[in-house]
Amino acid sequence: MLLFTDIITGDEVASDAFPTKEVDNIVYEFEAAKITIKDGAVDIGANPSAEEQDEALEDGAQVVNNIVHSHRLHQTGYDKKQYLSHLKAYMKAIKAKLEVEKPDRVAAFEKGASEYAKKIVANFKDYEFYTGESMNPDGMVLLLNYREDGITPYFTLWKDGLKEVKL
């Protein structure tokens, strides 16, 4: 199993237990799902019958996003100006780390990050924002959006801002 940690904060932010795809050699998309949790019960993501779902919610259970729950992410908020300010500082920090650790990746990162940032800004209203467990404002902001079906959630994470940790 691979865990993905934020290279700035060290927070665990995702794992390969969730369906993952690389986009434009600059970000990963991690497919999420809504799950029902309650004390002492484990939901493996199977769809309960309507009766089971109603019963579970009556017992004090709650429906959560599996990635948010598994990695203890915290929702945060940004307006476009605040997010762009954060993104600029974050990209500068990632570039500095790449210059030391992977200098051959810097040019591709700068080009890809710039292009992908334009996509984010163009669809800014579609995103929800999350931080890692430490809630460090200098760390990666995870972007939650929904697929074309309007139901399936997925997170977008900057590839170069992640460290893979094998378990």
N, C-alpha and C. Protein backbone atom coordinates (compact mmCIF):
# COMPACT_ATOMS: atom_id res chain seq x y z
N MET A 1 0.84 -1.18 0.00
CA MET A 1 0.00 0.00 0.00
C MET A 1 0.89 1.24 0.00
N LEU A 2 0.46 2.25 -0.73
CA LEU A 2 1.16 3.53 -0.76
C LEU A 2 0.34 4.58 -0.05
N LEU A 3 0.98 5.33 0.82
CA LEU A 3 0.37 6.52 1.40
C LEU A 3 1.00 7.71 0.71
N PHE A 4 0.22 8.75 0.53
CA PHE A 4 0.72 9.98 -0.05
C PHE A 4 0.70 11.04 1.05
N THR A 5 1.87 11.63 1.29
CA THR A 5 1.97 12.68 2.29
C THR A 5 2.32 13.99 1.62
N ASP A 6 1.88 15.07 2.23
CA ASP A 6 2.18 16.42 1.77
C ASP A 6 3.65 16.70 2.09
N ILE A 7 4.46 17.08 1.09
CA ILE A 7 5.89 17.27 1.34
C ILE A 7 6.18 18.51 2.18
N ILE A 8 5.23 19.41 2.30
CA ILE A 8 5.43 20.61 3.13
C ILE A 8 5.10 20.31 4.59
N THR A 9 3.96 19.65 4.84
CA THR A 9 3.48 19.46 6.21
C THR A 9 3.74 18.06 6.76
N GLY A 10 3.91 17.08 5.88
CA GLY A 10 4.03 15.69 6.32
C GLY A 10 2.68 15.04 6.59
N ASP A 11 1.58 15.76 6.39
CA ASP A 11 0.25 15.20 6.60
C ASP A 11 -0.04 14.10 5.60
N GLU A 12 -0.68 13.03 6.06
CA GLU A 12 -1.20 11.98 5.19
C GLU A 12 -2.42 12.56 4.48
N VAL A 13 -2.44 12.54 3.15
CA VAL A 13 -3.57 13.14 2.45
C VAL A 13 -4.32 12.19 1.52
N ALA A 14 -3.72 11.05 1.19
CA ALA A 14 -4.40 10.09 0.30
C ALA A 14 -3.64 8.77 0.35
N SER A 15 -4.22 7.76 -0.30
CA SER A 15 -3.55 6.48 -0.44
C SER A 15 -3.98 5.82 -1.73
N ASP A 16 -3.24 4.77 -2.11
CA ASP A 16 -3.59 4.06 -3.34
C ASP A 16 -4.76 3.11 -3.11
N ALA A 17 -5.36 3.13 -1.93
CA ALA A 17 -6.57 2.35 -1.68
C ALA A 17 -7.76 2.94 -2.43
N PHE A 18 -7.61 4.18 -2.89
CA PHE A 18 -8.67 4.86 -3.64
C PHE A 18 -8.28 4.88 -5.11
N PRO A 19 -9.25 4.68 -6.01
CA PRO A 19 -8.92 4.73 -7.44
C PRO A 19 -8.23 6.05 -7.78
N THR A 20 -7.12 5.95 -8.49
CA THR A 20 -6.28 7.12 -8.76
C THR A 20 -5.94 7.19 -10.24
N LYS A 21 -5.90 8.42 -10.75
CA LYS A 21 -5.38 8.60 -12.11
C LYS A 21 -4.55 9.87 -12.16
N GLU A 22 -3.52 9.82 -12.98
CA GLU A 22 -2.65 10.97 -13.18
C GLU A 22 -3.22 11.79 -14.33
N VAL A 23 -3.24 13.12 -14.17
CA VAL A 23 -3.77 14.01 -15.19
C VAL A 23 -2.68 15.02 -15.60
N ASP A 24 -2.39 15.07 -16.87
CA ASP A 24 -1.45 16.04 -17.45
C ASP A 24 -0.06 16.01 -16.81
N ASN A 25 0.33 14.89 -16.20
CA ASN A 25 1.63 14.76 -15.55
C ASN A 25 1.87 15.83 -14.48
N ILE A 26 0.78 16.37 -13.91
CA ILE A 26 0.93 17.44 -12.91
C ILE A 26 0.08 17.21 -11.67
N VAL A 27 -1.07 16.54 -11.80
CA VAL A 27 -1.93 16.27 -10.64
C VAL A 27 -2.37 14.81 -10.65
N TYR A 28 -2.81 14.37 -9.47
CA TYR A 28 -3.48 13.08 -9.33
C TYR A 28 -4.92 13.37 -8.97
N GLU A 29 -5.82 12.56 -9.50
CA GLU A 29 -7.22 12.60 -9.08
C GLU A 29 -7.50 11.32 -8.31
N PHE A 30 -7.98 11.48 -7.09
CA PHE A 30 -8.34 10.36 -6.23
C PHE A 30 -9.85 10.29 -6.14
N GLU A 31 -10.43 9.20 -6.59
CA GLU A 31 -11.87 8.99 -6.58
C GLU A 31 -12.32 8.73 -5.14
N ALA A 32 -13.33 9.44 -4.72
CA ALA A 32 -13.86 9.29 -3.36
C ALA A 32 -15.27 8.72 -3.42
N ALA A 33 -15.86 8.49 -2.27
CA ALA A 33 -17.23 8.00 -2.18
C ALA A 33 -17.82 8.45 -0.86
N LYS A 34 -19.12 8.48 -0.81
CA LYS A 34 -19.81 8.76 0.45
C LYS A 34 -20.00 7.43 1.16
N ILE A 35 -19.63 7.39 2.44
CA ILE A 35 -19.81 6.19 3.24
C ILE A 35 -20.57 6.56 4.52
N THR A 36 -21.17 5.56 5.13
CA THR A 36 -21.88 5.75 6.39
C THR A 36 -21.01 5.19 7.51
N ILE A 37 -20.80 6.00 8.53
CA ILE A 37 -20.01 5.54 9.67
C ILE A 37 -20.83 5.66 10.94
N LYS A 38 -20.57 4.76 11.86
CA LYS A 38 -21.13 4.88 13.21
C LYS A 38 -20.19 4.14 14.14
N ASP A 39 -20.22 4.46 15.40
CA ASP A 39 -19.33 3.85 16.37
C ASP A 39 -19.45 2.34 16.34
N GLY A 40 -18.28 1.67 16.23
CA GLY A 40 -18.25 0.22 16.27
C GLY A 40 -18.58 -0.47 14.97
N ALA A 41 -18.97 0.26 13.94
CA ALA A 41 -19.34 -0.36 12.66
C ALA A 41 -18.34 0.05 11.60
N VAL A 42 -18.11 -0.81 10.66
CA VAL A 42 -17.21 -0.53 9.56
C VAL A 42 -18.00 -0.64 8.26
N ASP A 43 -17.91 0.40 7.43
CA ASP A 43 -18.59 0.40 6.14
C ASP A 43 -17.52 0.19 5.07
N ILE A 44 -17.66 -0.88 4.31
CA ILE A 44 -16.67 -1.17 3.27
C ILE A 44 -17.03 -0.53 1.94
N GLY A 45 -18.09 0.27 1.92
CA GLY A 45 -18.46 0.98 0.71
C GLY A 45 -19.53 0.30 -0.11
N ALA A 46 -20.02 -0.86 0.32
CA ALA A 46 -21.10 -1.53 -0.40
C ALA A 46 -22.39 -0.74 -0.21
N ASN A 47 -23.27 -0.84 -1.16
CA ASN A 47 -24.54 -0.12 -1.06
C ASN A 47 -25.52 -0.87 -0.18
N PRO A 48 -25.92 -0.26 0.93
CA PRO A 48 -26.90 -0.93 1.79
C PRO A 48 -28.29 -0.85 1.16
N SER A 49 -29.15 -1.72 1.60
CA SER A 49 -30.53 -1.62 1.14
C SER A 49 -31.14 -0.36 1.74
N ALA A 50 -32.26 0.08 1.22
CA ALA A 50 -32.91 1.29 1.72
C ALA A 50 -33.22 1.17 3.21
N GLU A 51 -33.65 -0.01 3.65
CA GLU A 51 -33.98 -0.20 5.06
C GLU A 51 -32.73 -0.07 5.94
N GLU A 52 -31.62 -0.70 5.50
CA GLU A 52 -30.38 -0.62 6.27
C GLU A 52 -29.88 0.81 6.36
N GLN A 53 -29.98 1.55 5.24
CA GLN A 53 -29.49 2.92 5.24
C GLN A 53 -30.32 3.78 6.19
N ASP A 54 -31.64 3.66 6.15
CA ASP A 54 -32.49 4.43 7.06
C ASP A 54 -32.20 4.06 8.50
N GLU A 55 -32.06 2.78 8.76
CA GLU A 55 -31.80 2.30 10.12
C GLU A 55 -30.46 2.83 10.63
N ALA A 56 -29.43 2.81 9.79
CA ALA A 56 -28.10 3.26 10.20
C ALA A 56 -28.12 4.73 10.58
N LEU A 57 -28.81 5.53 9.81
CA LEU A 57 -28.85 6.95 10.10
C LEU A 57 -29.66 7.23 11.36
N GLU A 58 -30.66 6.40 11.64
CA GLU A 58 -31.43 6.57 12.87
C GLU A 58 -30.59 6.26 14.10
N ASP A 59 -29.59 5.39 13.96
CA ASP A 59 -28.74 5.00 15.08
C ASP A 59 -27.62 5.99 15.34
N GLY A 60 -27.69 7.18 14.81
CA GLY A 60 -26.66 8.18 15.05
C GLY A 60 -25.48 8.09 14.10
N ALA A 61 -25.63 7.37 13.03
CA ALA A 61 -24.55 7.27 12.05
C ALA A 61 -24.51 8.55 11.22
N GLN A 62 -23.43 8.74 10.53
CA GLN A 62 -23.33 9.90 9.65
C GLN A 62 -22.70 9.49 8.32
N VAL A 63 -23.08 10.23 7.28
CA VAL A 63 -22.54 9.99 5.95
C VAL A 63 -21.36 10.94 5.76
N VAL A 64 -20.21 10.38 5.38
CA VAL A 64 -18.99 11.17 5.21
C VAL A 64 -18.29 10.80 3.90
N ASN A 65 -17.40 11.65 3.48
CA ASN A 65 -16.54 11.36 2.34
C ASN A 65 -15.42 10.45 2.84
N ASN A 66 -15.20 9.32 2.16
CA ASN A 66 -14.24 8.33 2.66
C ASN A 66 -12.80 8.85 2.72
N ILE A 67 -12.39 9.69 1.80
CA ILE A 67 -11.02 10.22 1.84
C ILE A 67 -10.89 11.24 2.98
N VAL A 68 -11.87 12.10 3.12
CA VAL A 68 -11.86 13.08 4.22
C VAL A 68 -11.78 12.35 5.55
N HIS A 69 -12.61 11.33 5.71
CA HIS A 69 -12.66 10.57 6.96
C HIS A 69 -11.36 9.79 7.20
N SER A 70 -10.89 9.08 6.20
CA SER A 70 -9.70 8.24 6.35
C SER A 70 -8.42 9.02 6.64
N HIS A 71 -8.32 10.21 6.09
CA HIS A 71 -7.08 10.98 6.22
C HIS A 71 -7.24 12.22 7.10
N ARG A 72 -8.34 12.30 7.78
CA ARG A 72 -8.60 13.37 8.76
C ARG A 72 -8.40 14.77 8.14
N LEU A 73 -8.99 14.96 6.98
CA LEU A 73 -8.90 16.25 6.30
C LEU A 73 -9.89 17.23 6.92
N HIS A 74 -9.58 18.52 6.74
CA HIS A 74 -10.44 19.57 7.28
C HIS A 74 -10.86 20.50 6.16
N GLN A 75 -12.17 20.77 6.10
CA GLN A 75 -12.65 21.68 5.07
C GLN A 75 -12.27 23.11 5.44
N THR A 76 -11.91 23.88 4.45
CA THR A 76 -11.55 25.27 4.64
C THR A 76 -12.21 26.09 3.53
N GLY A 77 -12.08 27.37 3.56
CA GLY A 77 -12.70 28.20 2.54
C GLY A 77 -11.75 29.24 1.98
N TYR A 78 -11.92 29.54 0.73
CA TYR A 78 -11.13 30.55 0.05
C TYR A 78 -12.02 31.31 -0.91
N ASP A 79 -11.76 32.61 -1.05
CA ASP A 79 -12.30 33.29 -2.21
C ASP A 79 -11.20 33.19 -3.27
N LYS A 80 -11.49 33.60 -4.47
CA LYS A 80 -10.55 33.40 -5.56
C LYS A 80 -9.21 34.11 -5.30
N LYS A 81 -9.26 35.32 -4.78
CA LYS A 81 -8.05 36.09 -4.52
C LYS A 81 -7.19 35.40 -3.46
N GLN A 82 -7.81 34.93 -2.39
CA GLN A 82 -7.08 34.23 -1.33
C GLN A 82 -6.44 32.95 -1.86
N TYR A 83 -7.21 32.20 -2.65
CA TYR A 83 -6.68 30.94 -3.17
C TYR A 83 -5.49 31.19 -4.10
N LEU A 84 -5.60 32.19 -4.97
CA LEU A 84 -4.50 32.49 -5.88
C LEU A 84 -3.25 32.90 -5.12
N SER A 85 -3.42 33.65 -4.04
CA SER A 85 -2.29 34.05 -3.20
C SER A 85 -1.64 32.81 -2.56
N HIS A 86 -2.49 31.91 -2.03
CA HIS A 86 -1.97 30.67 -1.45
C HIS A 86 -1.25 29.84 -2.52
N LEU A 87 -1.88 29.70 -3.68
CA LEU A 87 -1.33 28.86 -4.74
C LEU A 87 0.04 29.38 -5.20
N LYS A 88 0.17 30.68 -5.31
CA LYS A 88 1.44 31.27 -5.73
C LYS A 88 2.54 30.92 -4.72
N ALA A 89 2.26 31.09 -3.45
CA ALA A 89 3.24 30.78 -2.40
C ALA A 89 3.54 29.28 -2.37
N TYR A 90 2.50 28.46 -2.52
CA TYR A 90 2.66 27.01 -2.49
C TYR A 90 3.52 26.54 -3.67
N MET A 91 3.25 27.05 -4.86
CA MET A 91 4.02 26.66 -6.04
C MET A 91 5.49 27.07 -5.90
N LYS A 92 5.73 28.21 -5.28
CA LYS A 92 7.10 28.67 -5.04
C LYS A 92 7.82 27.69 -4.10
N ALA A 93 7.12 27.23 -3.06
CA ALA A 93 7.71 26.28 -2.11
C ALA A 93 7.99 24.93 -2.78
N ILE A 94 7.06 24.46 -3.61
CA ILE A 94 7.26 23.19 -4.31
C ILE A 94 8.44 23.31 -5.28
N LYS A 95 8.50 24.42 -6.02
CA LYS A 95 9.60 24.64 -6.96
C LYS A 95 10.94 24.61 -6.22
N ALA A 96 11.02 25.25 -5.07
CA ALA A 96 12.26 25.27 -4.29
C ALA A 96 12.67 23.86 -3.87
N LYS A 97 11.70 23.03 -3.47
CA LYS A 97 12.01 21.64 -3.10
C LYS A 97 12.47 20.85 -4.33
N LEU A 98 11.81 21.07 -5.46
CA LEU A 98 12.19 20.37 -6.69
C LEU A 98 13.60 20.75 -7.14
N GLU A 99 13.94 22.03 -7.00
CA GLU A 99 15.28 22.47 -7.42
C GLU A 99 16.38 21.72 -6.67
N VAL A 100 16.09 21.33 -5.43
CA VAL A 100 17.07 20.60 -4.62
C VAL A 100 16.99 19.10 -4.88
N GLU A 101 15.76 18.56 -4.92
CA GLU A 101 15.57 17.11 -4.96
C GLU A 101 15.43 16.53 -6.37
N LYS A 102 14.79 17.27 -7.28
CA LYS A 102 14.56 16.77 -8.64
C LYS A 102 14.71 17.92 -9.65
N PRO A 103 15.91 18.44 -9.83
CA PRO A 103 16.09 19.61 -10.69
C PRO A 103 15.62 19.40 -12.13
N ASP A 104 15.64 18.17 -12.62
CA ASP A 104 15.20 17.90 -13.98
C ASP A 104 13.68 18.00 -14.13
N ARG A 105 12.96 18.07 -13.04
CA ARG A 105 11.50 18.14 -13.07
C ARG A 105 10.98 19.58 -13.01
N VAL A 106 11.82 20.55 -12.68
CA VAL A 106 11.39 21.94 -12.45
C VAL A 106 10.67 22.54 -13.66
N ALA A 107 11.25 22.45 -14.85
CA ALA A 107 10.65 23.06 -16.05
C ALA A 107 9.28 22.46 -16.34
N ALA A 108 9.16 21.14 -16.27
CA ALA A 108 7.86 20.50 -16.52
C ALA A 108 6.83 20.89 -15.46
N PHE A 109 7.29 21.00 -14.22
CA PHE A 109 6.40 21.41 -13.14
C PHE A 109 5.88 22.83 -13.39
N GLU A 110 6.77 23.76 -13.67
CA GLU A 110 6.35 25.15 -13.88
C GLU A 110 5.33 25.26 -15.01
N LYS A 111 5.61 24.60 -16.12
CA LYS A 111 4.70 24.67 -17.28
C LYS A 111 3.36 24.00 -16.95
N GLY A 112 3.42 22.79 -16.42
CA GLY A 112 2.19 22.05 -16.11
C GLY A 112 1.36 22.70 -15.03
N ALA A 113 2.02 23.20 -13.98
CA ALA A 113 1.29 23.83 -12.87
C ALA A 113 0.59 25.11 -13.34
N SER A 114 1.26 25.87 -14.17
CA SER A 114 0.67 27.10 -14.68
C SER A 114 -0.58 26.80 -15.51
N GLU A 115 -0.47 25.82 -16.40
CA GLU A 115 -1.61 25.45 -17.24
C GLU A 115 -2.76 24.89 -16.41
N TYR A 116 -2.44 24.04 -15.44
CA TYR A 116 -3.50 23.43 -14.64
C TYR A 116 -4.14 24.46 -13.71
N ALA A 117 -3.36 25.40 -13.21
CA ALA A 117 -3.91 26.45 -12.35
C ALA A 117 -4.97 27.26 -13.11
N LYS A 118 -4.76 27.46 -14.40
CA LYS A 118 -5.75 28.19 -15.22
C LYS A 118 -7.06 27.42 -15.26
N LYS A 119 -7.00 26.10 -15.33
CA LYS A 119 -8.22 25.28 -15.32
C LYS A 119 -8.95 25.41 -13.99
N ILE A 120 -8.18 25.43 -12.91
CA ILE A 120 -8.79 25.57 -11.58
C ILE A 120 -9.49 26.92 -11.47
N VAL A 121 -8.81 27.97 -11.85
CA VAL A 121 -9.38 29.32 -11.75
C VAL A 121 -10.63 29.44 -12.62
N ALA A 122 -10.62 28.85 -13.81
CA ALA A 122 -11.77 28.91 -14.71
C ALA A 122 -13.00 28.22 -14.11
N ASN A 123 -12.78 27.22 -13.26
CA ASN A 123 -13.89 26.48 -12.65
C ASN A 123 -13.90 26.63 -11.13
N PHE A 124 -13.41 27.74 -10.64
CA PHE A 124 -13.21 27.96 -9.21
C PHE A 124 -14.46 27.67 -8.38
N LYS A 125 -15.60 28.08 -8.87
CA LYS A 125 -16.85 27.91 -8.11
C LYS A 125 -17.24 26.45 -7.90
N ASP A 126 -16.65 25.54 -8.66
CA ASP A 126 -16.98 24.12 -8.56
C ASP A 126 -16.23 23.38 -7.45
N TYR A 127 -15.24 24.03 -6.85
CA TYR A 127 -14.37 23.34 -5.91
C TYR A 127 -14.73 23.60 -4.45
N GLU A 128 -14.45 22.58 -3.64
CA GLU A 128 -14.43 22.71 -2.19
C GLU A 128 -12.97 22.51 -1.81
N PHE A 129 -12.54 23.11 -0.70
CA PHE A 129 -11.13 23.13 -0.33
C PHE A 129 -10.92 22.41 1.00
N TYR A 130 -9.85 21.61 1.05
CA TYR A 130 -9.52 20.84 2.25
C TYR A 130 -8.03 20.98 2.55
N THR A 131 -7.71 20.90 3.85
CA THR A 131 -6.32 20.87 4.28
C THR A 131 -6.07 19.56 5.01
N GLY A 132 -4.80 19.26 5.21
CA GLY A 132 -4.43 18.06 5.95
C GLY A 132 -4.74 18.19 7.43
N GLU A 133 -4.44 17.14 8.15
CA GLU A 133 -4.76 17.06 9.58
C GLU A 133 -4.16 18.21 10.39
N SER A 134 -2.96 18.64 10.06
CA SER A 134 -2.30 19.70 10.83
C SER A 134 -2.92 21.08 10.58
N MET A 135 -3.67 21.20 9.51
CA MET A 135 -4.29 22.47 9.08
C MET A 135 -3.24 23.56 8.87
N ASN A 136 -2.04 23.17 8.49
CA ASN A 136 -0.95 24.10 8.23
C ASN A 136 -1.30 24.91 6.98
N PRO A 137 -1.38 26.24 7.09
CA PRO A 137 -1.77 27.05 5.93
C PRO A 137 -0.75 27.06 4.81
N ASP A 138 0.47 26.59 5.07
CA ASP A 138 1.49 26.56 4.02
C ASP A 138 1.43 25.27 3.19
N GLY A 139 0.66 24.29 3.65
CA GLY A 139 0.60 23.00 2.98
C GLY A 139 -0.32 22.99 1.78
N MET A 140 -0.44 21.80 1.19
CA MET A 140 -1.28 21.61 0.03
C MET A 140 -2.76 21.81 0.37
N VAL A 141 -3.47 22.48 -0.51
CA VAL A 141 -4.92 22.57 -0.41
C VAL A 141 -5.47 21.55 -1.40
N LEU A 142 -6.21 20.59 -0.87
CA LEU A 142 -6.79 19.54 -1.70
C LEU A 142 -8.10 20.06 -2.28
N LEU A 143 -8.30 19.82 -3.55
CA LEU A 143 -9.48 20.33 -4.26
C LEU A 143 -10.50 19.22 -4.45
N LEU A 144 -11.70 19.41 -3.93
CA LEU A 144 -12.78 18.44 -4.11
C LEU A 144 -13.73 18.96 -5.18
N ASN A 145 -14.04 18.10 -6.13
CA ASN A 145 -14.99 18.42 -7.18
C ASN A 145 -15.81 17.16 -7.43
N TYR A 146 -16.77 17.24 -8.34
CA TYR A 146 -17.63 16.10 -8.67
C TYR A 146 -17.54 15.81 -10.16
N ARG A 147 -17.59 14.54 -10.50
CA ARG A 147 -17.56 14.12 -11.90
C ARG A 147 -18.80 14.66 -12.62
N GLU A 148 -18.84 14.42 -13.91
CA GLU A 148 -19.94 14.91 -14.75
C GLU A 148 -21.31 14.43 -14.27
N ASP A 149 -21.35 13.27 -13.58
CA ASP A 149 -22.62 12.75 -13.09
C ASP A 149 -23.17 13.58 -11.91
N GLY A 150 -22.34 14.48 -11.35
CA GLY A 150 -22.78 15.32 -10.25
C GLY A 150 -22.86 14.59 -8.92
N ILE A 151 -22.49 13.32 -8.89
CA ILE A 151 -22.62 12.50 -7.69
C ILE A 151 -21.26 12.03 -7.18
N THR A 152 -20.38 11.65 -8.08
CA THR A 152 -19.11 11.03 -7.73
C THR A 152 -18.06 12.08 -7.36
N PRO A 153 -17.64 12.12 -6.09
CA PRO A 153 -16.63 13.10 -5.68
C PRO A 153 -15.22 12.61 -6.01
N TYR A 154 -14.32 13.56 -6.27
CA TYR A 154 -12.91 13.23 -6.46
C TYR A 154 -12.06 14.40 -5.97
N PHE A 155 -10.87 14.06 -5.50
CA PHE A 155 -9.92 15.06 -5.04
C PHE A 155 -8.82 15.23 -6.06
N THR A 156 -8.37 16.48 -6.24
CA THR A 156 -7.24 16.79 -7.09
C THR A 156 -6.09 17.22 -6.18
N LEU A 157 -4.93 16.54 -6.34
CA LEU A 157 -3.74 16.82 -5.54
C LEU A 157 -2.57 17.05 -6.48
N TRP A 158 -1.72 18.00 -6.13
CA TRP A 158 -0.55 18.30 -6.94
C TRP A 158 0.46 17.18 -6.80
N LYS A 159 0.79 16.55 -7.90
CA LYS A 159 1.71 15.41 -7.94
C LYS A 159 3.05 15.73 -7.29
N ASP A 160 3.63 16.88 -7.59
CA ASP A 160 4.95 17.23 -7.08
C ASP A 160 4.91 17.67 -5.62
N GLY A 161 3.74 17.82 -5.06
CA GLY A 161 3.61 18.17 -3.65
C GLY A 161 3.42 16.96 -2.77
N LEU A 162 3.54 15.76 -3.37
CA LEU A 162 3.30 14.53 -2.62
C LEU A 162 4.58 13.70 -2.52
N LYS A 163 4.66 13.00 -1.40
CA LYS A 163 5.71 12.01 -1.20
C LYS A 163 5.03 10.67 -1.03
N GLU A 164 5.49 9.67 -1.77
CA GLU A 164 4.93 8.33 -1.65
C GLU A 164 5.64 7.57 -0.52
N VAL A 165 4.86 7.02 0.38
CA VAL A 165 5.40 6.24 1.50
C VAL A 165 4.85 4.83 1.39
N LYS A 166 5.74 3.85 1.20
CA LYS A 166 5.30 2.46 1.10
C LYS A 166 5.12 1.87 2.49
N LEU A 167 4.01 1.18 2.66
CA LEU A 167 3.76 0.51 3.94
C LEU A 167 4.06 -0.97 3.83
